[in-house]
Amino acid sequence: MTSSSFSTRETIVQLLSNMQDGKEIRSYLQRFSSIEQSRFAVIKIGGAILRDQLKETADALAFLHTVGLTPIVIHGGGPQLDTTLQERGIETPKIDGLRVTDAATMDVARDVFIGENIKLVEAVRAEGVEAEGVIVGVIEADYLDKEKYGFVGEPKNIRHGMLSSIVRSGAVPIITCLGVAPGGQILNINGDSATRAVVEALQPLKVIFLTGTGGLLDKNKRPMHSINLASDYDKLMKADWVQGGMRLKLQEIKRLLDALPLTSSVSITTPQGLVRELFTHGGSGTLVRQGEAIRTFTSKARLDRAGTEALVTSAFGRTLKPDWWDRLDIHQVYMSERYRAGAILTKVDDFIYLDKFAVTEEARGEGLSRTIWRQFSKQNSVFWWRSRTANNFNAFYNDMATGLVKTGYWTVYWVGETDFARIARNIDRVASLPASFED
């Protein structure tokens, strides 16, 4: 990195750190910068994104490079290939979702993918960042079934060294979904298969899919914020609204994450939302992780005291009073299996009180907090809690609460309560509850 680019990076990092989410942004930058850069992220870009949002995509890739992060980019070109084949009157049947690729189709596919690669490379370079197009050579492949599919390949090996060399040179590698068979024949490779092969070879921290929808959509057609496969996958696969493309995408994501360390994750977002998805806890899209199973307790008998106290102390950065555990009268506890996130609900008078909602620093941004919130709020339609008015986590609480009142040191929140008399009474009661931490 030149002294000029280093200065630019430091200036941008400093500006980001002064934003509202500055602490989060710096934390993520440090985490992403601590690993080998060829293992930072693999970004899959579909042909529709290249067609409709080329400038936005180039902007996002250039930004990452400018702050010292170099993703491995792999792109498709399906819609462009469909259009070109139609214009040339070439019919291409599909079997099992794969395009049968004869010699004429292969020639067109090669030309289309090379053209799309050049467009993306030039768009990134126009933003002042070096990019290197890799048409063939990275993905070594063999015929999937020559008699059945023609020139369709199955990845067999990824030349990791070639990608690492490009990254070390200071450029962003941009790969097509074309493989090379023994003897030099170019093969057409399904985009998901190509991405999976690159991901399994590189073992990246992040796998990112840039899409027009900006995430996986729930039954109301709204992007889901996070998916914890350990607790959500089976439920989603049984849901009658999870069909077709979404079902296949979930299966593909699970297959990807099964081959990666638990620290890795998959994000589905838009080019415009990429930076926020990567660098803030709130994100912008759908974050999918292997995650942890969430366990429910209704008493302290089977709850690990040391693990619970360590979680609360770590999350709040304060020391609990010696009698906190003994005074704790549990209604329900929702706890991740590794005690990295949890919600502790108690009964105060005639209402349910969220005594602690705790997430360790390392688990923030994983979606664990929202998974736990969904579970306990589904079981408890009305509940109360309080938070220090200066707490940075209040932005999340503001989004989740039905109502809130600031009363000095505390902000009191509630969900589901509509009776004004009870609201007035409970605000004072919640605000006056004994402190859990040492002064």
Foldseek 3Di string as FASTA:
>chain_A
DDPVLVVQLVVVLVVCLPDLQNVLQVVLLVVLQVDQQAQAEEEEEEQVCLVPPLLLLLVLQLVCLSNPHAYAYEYENVVVLVVVCVVVVHDWDDDPNHTQAAPVSVVSRLVRQVVSQVSNQVSNVVVVFHADEDEEDQFAWDDPDCVPRNQETATDGGPSVVCSVCVVVRHHYYYYQWYAYVVGDIGHYDSLRSLLRSCLVSQHQEYEYADPLFEQADLVRHHDAEDQCCAPVVVLLPDPSCDDPNNVVSVSLVVSQVSHDQSHKYFYGHSNQVSQQSRGLRGTYYIYGPFFDKDKDQACPPPDPVLQLVQQCQQVVFAFDPCLVVPQRFRMKIAGPNSQWIWTWHQDDHAIEGEDTGHHPSCRSRCPSVVRVVVVCVVPQKYKYKDQPPDSCVVVVVVVFPDWDDDPRIIITMGNDDDPVVVVVVVVVRVPDDDGGDD
